[in-house]
Amino acid sequence: EQGGGAIVVPEPEIGHAAEVVRSLLGDERRRAEMSDAMSRLARPDAADVIAEELIALARARR
C-alpha cells in the first residue's frame, strides 16, 4: 500500500471492500497510477531469488 500499488482494507472494514473495488473500477487514472507503482515495485525474479536463498540456507545447515 505504501508504494501506491495496492489498497489494504483492514479486516474490521472488510464490509467496505466492494465499495473500494467499485471506486477503482470507475477511476481509470487511479488504476493506471497503481499499475505504474506495481511495475516499479515488481521483482520478476523474486521466485528464483527466494529459491536460491532457501537452497543456500539448506546447504549451510548440513
Foldseek 3Di string as FASTA:
>chain_A
DVLLQDDDQDPVRVVCVVVVVVVPVVDPPSNVSNVVSCVVVDDPCVVVVVVVVVVVVVVVVD
